[in-house]
Amino acid sequence: MSLFQFGKKKKAETTASASCSAADNGKIYSIKVLGTGCKSCHDQYENTKQAIKKMGLSVEVEYIIDMQKIMEYGVMSMPALVVNKKVVSTGKVLKPNDVLSLLDKLRENQR
């Protein structure tokens, strides 16, 4: 017996991520920085743009400060980084090299 149905939720998340990665085939098509407009959030946005430029990707980085849109992702601490509609980092400012390594790992996992 699973208390609060924790086991069922994990199975659903695994299925969703597997189907998403099969369709993406290692391509990064959407990057968003979620934030409140503070200095840390703006720094995360700039660092992410630098990393994208270094990688040579032609993806536009969105900076979202609308709290209603942020809450749709379930993020409680900002800044947050969303890649291909998946939250990959919350609550800390990543340096450009950290964003680079994170994006490389995501591309490898999606292949």
Protein backbone atom coordinates (compact mmCIF):
# COMPACT_ATOMS: atom_id res chain seq x y z
CA MET A 1 0.00 0.00 0.00
CA SER A 2 1.48 3.34 -0.98
CA LEU A 3 0.86 6.21 1.33
CA PHE A 4 -0.32 9.34 -0.55
CA GLN A 5 0.17 7.45 -3.84
CA PHE A 6 3.85 8.36 -4.12
CA GLY A 7 4.67 5.35 -6.32
CA LYS A 8 2.01 6.16 -8.91
CA LYS A 9 3.24 9.73 -9.33
CA LYS A 10 6.82 8.64 -10.00
CA LYS A 11 5.68 6.25 -12.73
CA ALA A 12 3.71 9.02 -14.42
CA GLU A 13 6.67 11.43 -14.32
CA THR A 14 9.01 8.83 -15.79
CA THR A 15 6.63 8.12 -18.64
CA ALA A 16 6.19 11.81 -19.41
CA SER A 17 9.91 12.52 -19.50
CA ALA A 18 10.63 9.47 -21.63
CA SER A 19 8.08 10.41 -24.27
CA CYS A 20 9.30 14.01 -24.27
CA SER A 21 12.94 13.01 -24.75
CA ALA A 22 12.13 10.62 -27.58
CA ALA A 23 10.43 13.41 -29.50
CA ASP A 24 13.15 15.99 -28.81
CA ASN A 25 16.05 13.85 -30.04
CA GLY A 26 18.66 15.91 -28.18
CA LYS A 27 17.50 19.29 -29.46
CA ILE A 28 17.11 22.28 -27.17
CA TYR A 29 14.24 24.35 -28.49
CA SER A 30 13.13 26.43 -25.51
CA ILE A 31 15.00 28.13 -22.66
CA LYS A 32 13.33 30.31 -20.05
CA VAL A 33 14.62 32.10 -17.00
CA LEU A 34 11.93 32.58 -14.36
CA GLY A 35 12.44 35.39 -11.89
CA THR A 36 11.06 38.32 -9.98
CA GLY A 37 13.15 40.96 -11.73
CA CYS A 38 15.79 41.17 -9.00
CA LYS A 39 19.54 41.39 -9.64
CA SER A 40 20.10 37.64 -9.13
CA CYS A 41 17.38 36.76 -11.63
CA HIS A 42 18.74 39.23 -14.16
CA ASP A 43 22.27 37.81 -13.66
CA GLN A 44 20.90 34.31 -14.35
CA TYR A 45 19.31 35.60 -17.56
CA GLU A 46 22.57 37.21 -18.73
CA ASN A 47 24.65 34.14 -17.81
CA THR A 48 22.25 31.90 -19.72
CA LYS A 49 22.45 34.13 -22.80
CA GLN A 50 26.28 33.99 -22.63
CA ALA A 51 26.21 30.19 -22.43
CA ILE A 52 23.85 29.92 -25.40
CA LYS A 53 26.10 32.22 -27.42
CA LYS A 54 29.18 30.11 -26.51
CA MET A 55 27.39 26.92 -27.59
CA GLY A 56 26.35 28.49 -30.87
CA LEU A 57 22.69 27.61 -30.39
CA SER A 58 20.03 29.63 -32.16
CA VAL A 59 17.60 29.53 -29.25
CA GLU A 60 16.08 32.67 -27.79
CA VAL A 61 16.22 32.91 -24.00
CA GLU A 62 12.95 34.15 -22.50
CA TYR A 63 12.91 36.11 -19.26
CA ILE A 64 9.60 35.61 -17.48
CA ILE A 65 8.65 37.79 -14.51
CA ASP A 66 4.89 37.18 -14.57
CA MET A 67 4.15 35.37 -11.29
CA GLN A 68 1.12 33.58 -12.72
CA LYS A 69 3.25 32.01 -15.46
CA ILE A 70 5.99 31.19 -12.96
CA MET A 71 3.49 29.40 -10.71
CA GLU A 72 2.44 27.19 -13.64
CA TYR A 73 5.90 25.60 -13.38
CA GLY A 74 5.53 25.04 -9.63
CA VAL A 75 8.70 26.97 -8.86
CA MET A 76 8.97 28.34 -5.32
CA SER A 77 12.47 29.88 -5.34
CA MET A 78 13.95 32.09 -8.00
CA PRO A 79 15.82 32.33 -10.27
CA ALA A 80 14.78 29.18 -12.09
CA LEU A 81 15.97 27.79 -15.39
CA VAL A 82 13.53 25.94 -17.66
CA VAL A 83 14.77 23.97 -20.66
CA ASN A 84 12.27 22.38 -23.06
CA LYS A 85 9.42 22.99 -20.59
CA LYS A 86 11.30 21.19 -17.80
CA VAL A 87 12.60 22.96 -14.67
CA VAL A 88 16.30 22.12 -14.39
CA SER A 89 17.55 24.58 -11.75
CA THR A 90 15.97 26.66 -8.98
CA GLY A 91 17.12 29.01 -6.26
CA LYS A 92 20.67 29.73 -7.41
CA VAL A 93 22.48 31.81 -10.00
CA LEU A 94 24.40 29.55 -12.34
CA LYS A 95 27.60 30.83 -13.93
CA PRO A 96 27.83 30.61 -17.75
CA ASN A 97 30.07 27.51 -17.51
CA ASP A 98 27.57 25.84 -15.17
CA VAL A 99 24.77 26.52 -17.65
CA LEU A 100 26.96 25.11 -20.44
CA SER A 101 27.61 21.86 -18.59
CA LEU A 102 23.95 21.56 -17.61
CA LEU A 103 22.79 22.01 -21.20
CA ASP A 104 25.39 19.51 -22.43
CA LYS A 105 24.13 16.93 -19.93
CA LEU A 106 20.53 17.55 -20.99
CA ARG A 107 21.42 17.11 -24.65
CA GLU A 108 23.22 13.85 -23.90
CA ASN A 109 20.33 12.50 -21.81
CA GLN A 110 17.82 13.31 -24.54
CA ARG A 111 19.63 11.34 -27.22
